[in-house]
Amino acid sequence: MVQQILFLILAGGASAYAWTQFMAIRKTILLGQDEVITGDTSARWRNVLLIAFGQKKMFKRWIPAVFHLFIYVAFLFTQVELIEIFIDGVFGVHRFFASLLGGFYTLIINTIEILSVLAFVATFIFLARRNLLKVPRLVKSELNGWPKLDANLILIFEVILLVAIFSMNGADVVLQGRDPLHYHDTGFLAVSSWLGPALFGGLSDGALVLVERAGWWLHLGMVLLFLNYLPKSKHLHILLAFPNTFFARQRPRGEMENMPAIMNEVKSMMGLAEDTGAADEELPEFGANDITTLSWIDVLGAYTCTECGRCSSVCPANATGKQLSPRKIMMDIRDRADEVYTKIQSGKPEYAVDAEKPLDKTNFNDGKSLFDYITREELHACTTCNACVEACPVLINPLEPILKMRRYEILTESAGPGSWLPMFNSIENSGAAWSMTIDREEWTKA
Protein backbone atom coordinates (compact mmCIF):
# COMPACT_ATOMS: atom_id res chain seq x y z
CA MET A 1 0.00 0.00 0.00
CA VAL A 2 2.86 2.40 0.81
CA GLN A 3 4.39 1.79 -2.62
CA GLN A 4 1.04 2.41 -4.31
CA ILE A 5 0.58 5.72 -2.50
CA LEU A 6 4.15 6.75 -3.30
CA PHE A 7 3.63 5.74 -6.93
CA LEU A 8 0.42 7.75 -7.27
CA ILE A 9 1.99 10.84 -5.70
CA LEU A 10 5.14 10.63 -7.86
CA ALA A 11 3.44 9.72 -11.14
CA GLY A 12 0.53 12.10 -10.62
CA GLY A 13 2.69 15.07 -9.62
CA ALA A 14 5.21 14.54 -12.43
CA SER A 15 2.49 14.06 -15.04
CA ALA A 16 0.65 17.20 -13.90
CA TYR A 17 3.80 19.30 -14.04
CA ALA A 18 4.68 17.90 -17.48
CA TRP A 19 1.18 18.77 -18.70
CA THR A 20 1.63 22.42 -17.70
CA GLN A 21 4.91 22.52 -19.62
CA PHE A 22 3.41 21.03 -22.75
CA MET A 23 0.52 23.49 -22.58
CA ALA A 24 3.07 26.31 -22.31
CA ILE A 25 4.76 25.01 -25.49
CA ARG A 26 1.38 24.98 -27.24
CA LYS A 27 0.67 28.57 -26.19
CA THR A 28 4.13 29.62 -27.33
CA ILE A 29 3.61 28.09 -30.78
CA LEU A 30 0.26 29.86 -31.08
CA LEU A 31 1.97 33.22 -30.56
CA GLY A 32 2.55 32.99 -34.30
CA GLN A 33 0.02 34.34 -36.74
CA ASP A 34 -2.87 32.24 -37.94
CA GLU A 35 -2.41 30.39 -41.21
CA VAL A 36 -5.10 28.69 -43.22
CA ILE A 37 -4.30 25.00 -43.74
CA THR A 38 -4.87 23.98 -47.35
CA GLY A 39 -4.00 20.98 -49.50
CA ASP A 40 -4.72 17.29 -49.67
CA THR A 41 -5.47 15.82 -46.24
CA SER A 42 -4.61 12.30 -47.40
CA ALA A 43 -1.17 13.55 -48.48
CA ARG A 44 -0.70 15.03 -45.01
CA TRP A 45 -1.48 11.71 -43.33
CA ARG A 46 0.89 10.00 -45.77
CA ASN A 47 3.64 12.38 -44.62
CA VAL A 48 2.92 11.48 -41.01
CA LEU A 49 3.09 7.74 -41.69
CA LEU A 50 6.11 7.73 -44.00
CA ILE A 51 8.22 10.59 -42.71
CA ALA A 52 7.38 10.97 -39.00
CA PHE A 53 6.46 7.40 -38.10
CA GLY A 54 8.39 5.59 -40.86
CA GLN A 55 11.44 7.92 -40.78
CA LYS A 56 11.73 7.74 -44.55
CA LYS A 57 13.96 10.79 -45.02
CA MET A 58 16.38 9.67 -42.31
CA PHE A 59 17.69 6.94 -44.60
CA LYS A 60 19.33 9.37 -46.97
CA ARG A 61 22.18 8.90 -44.48
CA TRP A 62 21.66 5.25 -43.74
CA ILE A 63 24.37 4.59 -41.12
CA PRO A 64 23.08 7.02 -38.45
CA ALA A 65 19.55 6.20 -39.62
CA VAL A 66 19.94 2.52 -38.72
CA PHE A 67 21.25 3.30 -35.24
CA HIS A 68 18.53 5.90 -34.73
CA LEU A 69 16.01 3.27 -35.80
CA PHE A 70 17.27 0.91 -33.07
CA ILE A 71 16.59 3.54 -30.40
CA TYR A 72 13.30 4.59 -31.95
CA VAL A 73 11.83 1.08 -32.24
CA ALA A 74 13.12 0.15 -28.78
CA PHE A 75 11.40 3.27 -27.44
CA LEU A 76 8.10 2.25 -29.04
CA PHE A 77 8.16 -1.35 -27.78
CA THR A 78 9.31 -0.35 -24.30
CA GLN A 79 6.03 1.52 -23.88
CA VAL A 80 4.33 -1.89 -23.47
CA GLU A 81 6.46 -2.58 -20.41
CA LEU A 82 5.88 0.98 -19.22
CA ILE A 83 2.10 0.47 -19.39
CA GLU A 84 2.54 -2.66 -17.30
CA ILE A 85 4.62 -0.72 -14.77
CA PHE A 86 1.83 1.84 -14.41
CA ILE A 87 -0.79 -0.88 -13.94
CA ASP A 88 1.42 -2.64 -11.37
CA GLY A 89 2.00 0.65 -9.58
CA VAL A 90 -1.68 1.60 -9.39
CA PHE A 91 -3.03 -1.81 -8.34
CA GLY A 92 -0.05 -3.10 -6.36
CA VAL A 93 0.42 -6.21 -8.54
CA HIS A 94 3.50 -7.68 -10.21
CA ARG A 95 3.83 -8.25 -13.98
CA PHE A 96 0.13 -7.87 -14.64
CA PHE A 97 0.36 -8.96 -18.29
CA ALA A 98 2.40 -12.14 -17.63
CA SER A 99 -0.52 -14.32 -16.54
CA LEU A 100 -2.90 -12.80 -19.11
CA LEU A 101 -0.74 -13.13 -22.21
CA GLY A 102 1.28 -16.26 -21.45
CA GLY A 103 3.67 -17.11 -24.27
CA PHE A 104 2.89 -13.89 -26.12
CA TYR A 105 4.16 -11.99 -23.09
CA THR A 106 7.47 -13.85 -23.36
CA LEU A 107 7.67 -12.85 -27.02
CA ILE A 108 7.02 -9.19 -26.18
CA ILE A 109 9.63 -9.06 -23.40
CA ASN A 110 12.18 -10.85 -25.61
CA THR A 111 11.55 -8.33 -28.38
CA ILE A 112 12.03 -5.48 -25.90
CA GLU A 113 15.25 -6.99 -24.60
CA ILE A 114 16.78 -7.57 -28.04
CA LEU A 115 15.84 -4.05 -29.14
CA SER A 116 17.20 -2.68 -25.86
CA VAL A 117 20.59 -4.29 -26.52
CA LEU A 118 20.63 -2.72 -29.99
CA ALA A 119 19.59 0.63 -28.49
CA PHE A 120 22.36 0.29 -25.89
CA VAL A 121 24.94 -0.14 -28.66
CA ALA A 122 23.45 2.70 -30.71
CA THR A 123 23.51 5.04 -27.71
CA PHE A 124 27.24 4.58 -27.16
CA ILE A 125 27.87 5.01 -30.89
CA PHE A 126 25.99 8.31 -30.84
CA LEU A 127 27.95 9.44 -27.78
CA ALA A 128 31.17 8.56 -29.59
CA ARG A 129 30.09 10.42 -32.75
CA ARG A 130 29.53 13.58 -30.74
CA ASN A 131 32.40 13.44 -28.29
CA LEU A 132 35.17 11.29 -29.80
CA LEU A 133 34.75 11.21 -33.58
CA LYS A 134 33.37 14.78 -33.55
CA VAL A 135 31.32 14.50 -36.73
CA PRO A 136 31.57 18.01 -38.26
CA ARG A 137 27.84 18.82 -38.31
CA LEU A 138 27.58 17.84 -34.63
CA VAL A 139 30.31 20.17 -33.33
CA LYS A 140 29.40 23.51 -34.90
CA SER A 141 29.56 26.70 -32.84
CA GLU A 142 25.77 27.00 -32.47
CA LEU A 143 25.83 23.75 -30.49
CA ASN A 144 28.20 25.04 -27.81
CA GLY A 145 26.83 25.17 -24.29
CA TRP A 146 23.33 23.89 -23.58
CA PRO A 147 22.67 22.22 -26.99
CA LYS A 148 25.74 20.00 -26.60
CA LEU A 149 24.89 19.17 -22.99
CA ASP A 150 21.27 18.47 -23.96
CA ALA A 151 22.30 16.00 -26.66
CA ASN A 152 24.63 14.14 -24.28
CA LEU A 153 22.19 14.17 -21.35
CA ILE A 154 19.44 12.44 -23.27
CA LEU A 155 21.85 9.68 -24.35
CA ILE A 156 22.98 9.24 -20.74
CA PHE A 157 19.33 9.05 -19.68
CA GLU A 158 18.87 6.31 -22.27
CA VAL A 159 21.77 4.30 -20.85
CA ILE A 160 20.42 4.60 -17.29
CA LEU A 161 16.96 3.53 -18.46
CA LEU A 162 18.36 0.44 -20.19
CA VAL A 163 20.38 -0.47 -17.10
CA ALA A 164 17.16 -0.19 -15.08
CA ILE A 165 15.31 -2.51 -17.48
CA PHE A 166 17.97 -5.23 -17.40
CA SER A 167 18.42 -4.93 -13.62
CA MET A 168 14.69 -5.32 -13.09
CA ASN A 169 14.32 -8.23 -15.52
CA GLY A 170 17.55 -9.95 -14.48
CA ALA A 171 16.75 -9.95 -10.76
CA ASP A 172 13.17 -10.99 -11.54
CA VAL A 173 14.36 -14.04 -13.50
CA VAL A 174 16.40 -15.24 -10.51
CA LEU A 175 13.49 -14.60 -8.13
CA GLN A 176 11.17 -16.65 -10.36
CA GLY A 177 13.27 -19.71 -9.61
CA ARG A 178 13.31 -19.06 -5.86
CA ASP A 179 9.77 -17.82 -5.27
CA PRO A 180 7.48 -18.91 -8.14
CA LEU A 181 4.32 -18.10 -6.14
CA HIS A 182 5.04 -14.37 -6.08
CA TYR A 183 7.03 -13.98 -9.29
CA HIS A 184 5.28 -15.02 -12.53
CA ASP A 185 7.24 -17.18 -14.92
CA THR A 186 8.15 -15.04 -17.92
CA GLY A 187 9.70 -17.92 -19.86
CA PHE A 188 13.16 -17.78 -21.37
CA LEU A 189 14.37 -14.22 -21.92
CA ALA A 190 17.06 -13.63 -24.55
CA VAL A 191 19.22 -11.43 -22.32
CA SER A 192 18.00 -11.56 -18.72
CA SER A 193 17.86 -15.39 -18.50
CA TRP A 194 21.67 -15.50 -18.61
CA LEU A 195 22.55 -11.96 -17.48
CA GLY A 196 20.41 -12.19 -14.33
CA PRO A 197 22.00 -15.35 -12.89
CA ALA A 198 25.46 -14.15 -13.93
CA LEU A 199 25.13 -10.81 -12.12
CA PHE A 200 22.67 -11.51 -9.33
CA GLY A 201 22.72 -15.29 -8.83
CA GLY A 202 24.85 -15.06 -5.69
CA LEU A 203 22.66 -12.48 -3.94
CA SER A 204 20.29 -13.26 -1.08
CA ASP A 205 16.55 -13.13 -1.61
CA GLY A 206 16.32 -9.80 0.17
CA ALA A 207 19.08 -8.30 -1.97
CA LEU A 208 17.41 -9.62 -5.13
CA VAL A 209 14.11 -8.00 -4.19
CA LEU A 210 15.99 -4.76 -3.55
CA VAL A 211 17.67 -4.90 -6.98
CA GLU A 212 14.39 -5.75 -8.73
CA ARG A 213 12.51 -2.95 -6.95
CA ALA A 214 15.37 -0.49 -7.56
CA GLY A 215 15.26 -1.32 -11.28
CA TRP A 216 11.47 -0.91 -11.32
CA TRP A 217 11.55 2.48 -9.56
CA LEU A 218 14.53 3.67 -11.58
CA HIS A 219 12.69 2.78 -14.80
CA LEU A 220 9.65 4.72 -13.64
CA GLY A 221 11.74 7.62 -12.37
CA MET A 222 13.69 7.98 -15.62
CA VAL A 223 10.47 7.98 -17.65
CA LEU A 224 8.93 10.70 -15.47
CA LEU A 225 12.18 12.68 -15.52
CA PHE A 226 12.33 12.38 -19.30
CA LEU A 227 8.69 13.46 -19.59
CA ASN A 228 9.43 16.69 -17.71
CA TYR A 229 12.79 17.21 -19.39
CA LEU A 230 11.33 16.87 -22.89
CA PRO A 231 9.77 20.38 -23.16
CA LYS A 232 13.19 21.93 -22.47
CA SER A 233 15.03 19.72 -24.95
CA LYS A 234 15.52 19.32 -28.68
CA HIS A 235 14.07 15.86 -28.16
CA LEU A 236 10.64 17.45 -28.19
CA HIS A 237 10.72 16.31 -31.83
CA ILE A 238 9.70 12.86 -30.54
CA LEU A 239 6.20 14.32 -30.21
CA LEU A 240 6.16 17.35 -32.52
CA ALA A 241 7.48 15.53 -35.61
CA PHE A 242 3.97 14.17 -36.11
CA PRO A 243 2.04 17.47 -36.18
CA ASN A 244 4.89 19.18 -38.04
CA THR A 245 4.83 16.67 -40.89
CA PHE A 246 1.03 16.86 -40.98
CA PHE A 247 0.90 20.67 -41.16
CA ALA A 248 3.90 21.08 -43.49
CA ARG A 249 3.02 23.37 -46.38
CA GLN A 250 2.20 21.55 -49.59
CA ARG A 251 2.90 24.35 -52.03
CA PRO A 252 6.05 24.18 -54.22
CA ARG A 253 9.26 24.76 -52.28
CA GLY A 254 10.41 28.35 -52.28
CA GLU A 255 7.13 29.69 -53.61
CA MET A 256 6.27 33.05 -52.06
CA GLU A 257 2.63 33.89 -51.55
CA ASN A 258 1.26 37.32 -52.37
CA MET A 259 0.62 39.43 -49.30
CA PRO A 260 -2.78 41.19 -49.24
CA ALA A 261 -1.15 44.27 -47.70
CA ILE A 262 1.25 44.52 -50.66
CA MET A 263 -1.60 44.10 -53.14
CA ASN A 264 -3.52 46.88 -51.44
CA GLU A 265 -0.51 49.18 -51.58
CA VAL A 266 0.02 48.50 -55.28
CA LYS A 267 -3.66 49.11 -56.02
CA SER A 268 -3.48 52.34 -54.03
CA MET A 269 -0.49 53.53 -56.06
CA MET A 270 -2.35 52.72 -59.27
CA GLY A 271 -5.51 54.40 -58.09
CA LEU A 272 -7.44 51.14 -58.05
CA ALA A 273 -7.98 50.82 -54.31
CA GLU A 274 -11.49 51.24 -52.98
CA ASP A 275 -12.06 54.25 -50.77
CA THR A 276 -13.03 52.96 -47.34
CA GLY A 277 -13.67 56.44 -46.02
CA ALA A 278 -11.10 56.05 -43.23
CA ALA A 279 -7.41 56.78 -43.15
CA ASP A 280 -5.06 54.07 -41.99
CA GLU A 281 -3.91 54.69 -38.44
CA GLU A 282 -0.69 52.75 -38.88
CA LEU A 283 1.60 52.08 -41.78
CA PRO A 284 1.36 48.45 -42.87
CA GLU A 285 4.21 46.09 -42.10
CA PHE A 286 5.33 43.48 -44.59
CA GLY A 287 7.07 40.18 -43.86
CA ALA A 288 8.06 39.17 -40.35
CA ASN A 289 10.44 40.56 -37.76
CA ASP A 290 9.38 38.62 -34.66
CA ILE A 291 7.58 35.53 -33.39
CA THR A 292 4.21 37.26 -33.49
CA THR A 293 4.57 38.08 -37.18
CA LEU A 294 5.75 34.63 -38.23
CA SER A 295 3.18 31.91 -38.89
CA TRP A 296 2.50 29.46 -36.07
CA ILE A 297 3.67 26.76 -38.50
CA ASP A 298 7.12 28.39 -38.58
CA VAL A 299 7.22 28.45 -34.77
CA LEU A 300 6.10 24.80 -34.67
CA GLY A 301 8.98 23.97 -36.99
CA ALA A 302 11.43 25.68 -34.63
CA TYR A 303 10.23 23.58 -31.70
CA THR A 304 10.34 20.43 -33.85
CA CYS A 305 13.97 21.00 -34.84
CA THR A 306 16.15 18.03 -33.90
CA GLU A 307 19.37 20.06 -34.25
CA CYS A 308 20.75 17.21 -36.38
CA GLY A 309 22.48 19.68 -38.71
CA ARG A 310 21.54 17.97 -41.96
CA CYS A 311 20.22 21.30 -43.24
CA SER A 312 23.42 23.21 -42.48
CA SER A 313 25.65 20.44 -43.81
CA VAL A 314 24.09 20.72 -47.29
CA CYS A 315 23.76 24.52 -47.31
CA PRO A 316 26.05 25.93 -50.05
CA ALA A 317 26.35 29.26 -48.24
CA ASN A 318 27.45 27.51 -45.06
CA ALA A 319 29.86 25.30 -47.02
CA THR A 320 31.62 28.37 -48.44
CA GLY A 321 32.15 29.96 -45.03
CA LYS A 322 29.15 32.30 -44.90
CA GLN A 323 27.51 32.98 -41.55
CA LEU A 324 24.26 31.29 -42.55
CA SER A 325 23.32 28.07 -40.74
CA PRO A 326 19.69 27.00 -41.28
CA ARG A 327 19.88 25.01 -38.05
CA LYS A 328 20.88 28.13 -36.12
CA ILE A 329 17.98 30.05 -37.70
CA MET A 330 15.48 27.55 -36.27
CA MET A 331 17.25 27.43 -32.90
CA ASP A 332 17.17 31.24 -32.71
CA ILE A 333 13.46 31.33 -33.49
CA ARG A 334 12.82 28.84 -30.69
CA ASP A 335 14.95 30.84 -28.23
CA ARG A 336 13.16 34.07 -29.13
CA ALA A 337 9.78 32.33 -28.82
CA ASP A 338 10.72 31.18 -25.31
CA GLU A 339 11.72 34.73 -24.42
CA VAL A 340 8.52 36.30 -25.79
CA TYR A 341 6.27 33.79 -24.03
CA THR A 342 8.09 34.23 -20.71
CA LYS A 343 7.79 38.00 -20.89
CA ILE A 344 4.11 37.91 -21.84
CA GLN A 345 3.41 35.52 -18.97
CA SER A 346 5.19 37.88 -16.57
CA GLY A 347 2.46 40.46 -17.17
CA LYS A 348 4.90 43.33 -16.70
CA PRO A 349 3.52 46.58 -18.16
CA GLU A 350 7.00 47.54 -19.41
CA TYR A 351 6.52 45.01 -22.23
CA ALA A 352 3.14 46.38 -23.30
CA VAL A 353 2.59 48.79 -26.17
CA ASP A 354 -0.38 50.18 -24.27
CA ALA A 355 0.01 49.76 -20.49
CA GLU A 356 -3.75 50.20 -20.06
CA LYS A 357 -4.49 47.02 -22.01
CA PRO A 358 -3.79 43.38 -21.12
CA LEU A 359 -0.35 42.13 -22.11
CA ASP A 360 -0.75 39.65 -24.98
CA LYS A 361 0.82 39.01 -28.35
CA THR A 362 -1.08 41.91 -29.95
CA ASN A 363 0.06 44.34 -27.24
CA PHE A 364 3.67 43.23 -26.83
CA ASN A 365 6.89 45.08 -27.52
CA ASP A 366 10.05 44.51 -25.50
CA GLY A 367 12.22 46.52 -27.86
CA LYS A 368 13.73 43.39 -29.35
CA SER A 369 13.04 41.23 -32.39
CA LEU A 370 14.35 38.26 -34.31
CA PHE A 371 16.96 40.57 -35.80
CA ASP A 372 18.60 40.60 -32.36
CA TYR A 373 19.13 36.84 -32.76
CA ILE A 374 19.59 36.44 -36.51
CA THR A 375 22.02 38.77 -38.26
CA ARG A 376 21.25 40.36 -41.59
CA GLU A 377 24.40 38.76 -43.01
CA GLU A 378 22.85 35.36 -42.33
CA LEU A 379 19.67 36.32 -44.17
CA HIS A 380 21.53 37.81 -47.13
CA ALA A 381 23.73 34.71 -47.54
CA CYS A 382 20.78 32.44 -48.38
CA THR A 383 20.60 31.48 -52.07
CA THR A 384 17.03 30.08 -51.69
CA CYS A 385 18.23 26.79 -53.21
CA ASN A 386 15.98 24.73 -50.87
CA ALA A 387 18.76 22.28 -50.03
CA CYS A 388 17.97 22.71 -46.32
CA VAL A 389 14.27 22.03 -46.91
CA GLU A 390 15.05 18.87 -48.85
CA ALA A 391 17.49 17.64 -46.20
CA CYS A 392 15.26 17.99 -43.14
CA PRO A 393 14.03 14.57 -41.95
CA VAL A 394 10.87 16.04 -40.36
CA LEU A 395 9.81 18.54 -43.07
CA ILE A 396 10.94 21.74 -41.33
CA ASN A 397 11.26 24.66 -43.75
CA PRO A 398 13.99 27.13 -42.66
CA LEU A 399 13.59 29.06 -45.92
CA GLU A 400 10.13 30.40 -44.95
CA PRO A 401 11.27 32.55 -41.99
CA ILE A 402 14.36 33.67 -43.93
CA LEU A 403 12.23 34.98 -46.80
CA LYS A 404 9.74 36.61 -44.43
CA MET A 405 12.51 38.42 -42.57
CA ARG A 406 14.02 39.55 -45.87
CA ARG A 407 10.62 40.92 -46.87
CA TYR A 408 10.42 42.86 -43.64
CA GLU A 409 13.91 44.27 -44.07
CA ILE A 410 13.36 45.38 -47.67
CA LEU A 411 9.67 46.33 -47.78
CA THR A 412 9.09 47.64 -44.25
CA GLU A 413 12.50 49.02 -43.30
CA SER A 414 13.53 49.96 -46.87
CA ALA A 415 16.88 48.45 -46.05
CA GLY A 416 18.98 45.65 -47.51
CA PRO A 417 22.44 45.18 -48.96
CA GLY A 418 23.56 47.82 -51.45
CA SER A 419 24.62 45.10 -53.89
CA TRP A 420 20.95 44.24 -54.39
CA LEU A 421 19.98 47.75 -55.51
CA PRO A 422 20.81 47.26 -59.22
CA MET A 423 18.61 44.17 -59.24
CA PHE A 424 15.68 46.09 -57.73
CA ASN A 425 16.13 48.89 -60.25
CA SER A 426 16.20 46.40 -63.12
CA ILE A 427 13.03 44.69 -61.91
CA GLU A 428 11.28 48.05 -61.57
CA ASN A 429 12.43 49.37 -64.94
CA SER A 430 12.68 46.24 -67.08
CA GLY A 431 10.57 43.64 -65.31
CA ALA A 432 13.60 41.36 -65.00
CA ALA A 433 16.62 41.12 -62.74
CA TRP A 434 19.20 41.20 -65.54
CA SER A 435 18.60 44.67 -67.07
CA MET A 436 16.98 43.10 -70.11
CA THR A 437 13.70 44.19 -71.63
CA ILE A 438 10.58 42.50 -70.37
CA ASP A 439 9.59 41.83 -73.98
CA ARG A 440 12.05 39.00 -74.44
CA GLU A 441 10.79 37.98 -77.88
CA GLU A 442 10.84 41.42 -79.51
CA TRP A 443 14.17 40.69 -81.20
CA THR A 444 12.51 38.00 -83.32
CA LYS A 445 10.29 40.62 -84.95
CA ALA A 446 13.13 42.88 -86.05
Foldseek 3Di string as FASTA:
>chain_A
DVLLVVVCVLVVVLVVLLVVLVVLLVVLLVLADADDFDDDLVVLVVLLVCQVVVLPLVCVVPPLVVLVVLQVVLVVLCVVVVVQLVVCSNVVAASVCCVVPPLVLLVSQQVNLVSLVSNLVSLVVVVCCVPPVNDPLNDDPLCPDPNSVQVNVVSVLSNQLSVLSLQQLLLLLLVCVVPVVRRPDSDDHPPSNPVSCVVPVPDDPVVSVVSNVVSSVSNVVSVSVCSNCLSVHLVVLNPLLNVLSSRFDDDDQPDDDDDPLVVQVVCVVVVNHDCPVDDDPDDDFFFFWANNHHHSSLLSLLSNDNSSQQLQVQAPLNVVPFPARLNQLSPLNNVRSVVQSVVLVVQDLCQFCDSVDTRDSVGGHNPDTSCVRDPVSNLVSHPSPCSSQSNDSSRNGSVRNSVRVVCRCCVVVVDDDPVCVQQVVLCVPAVGRPVDHPCVCVVVVD
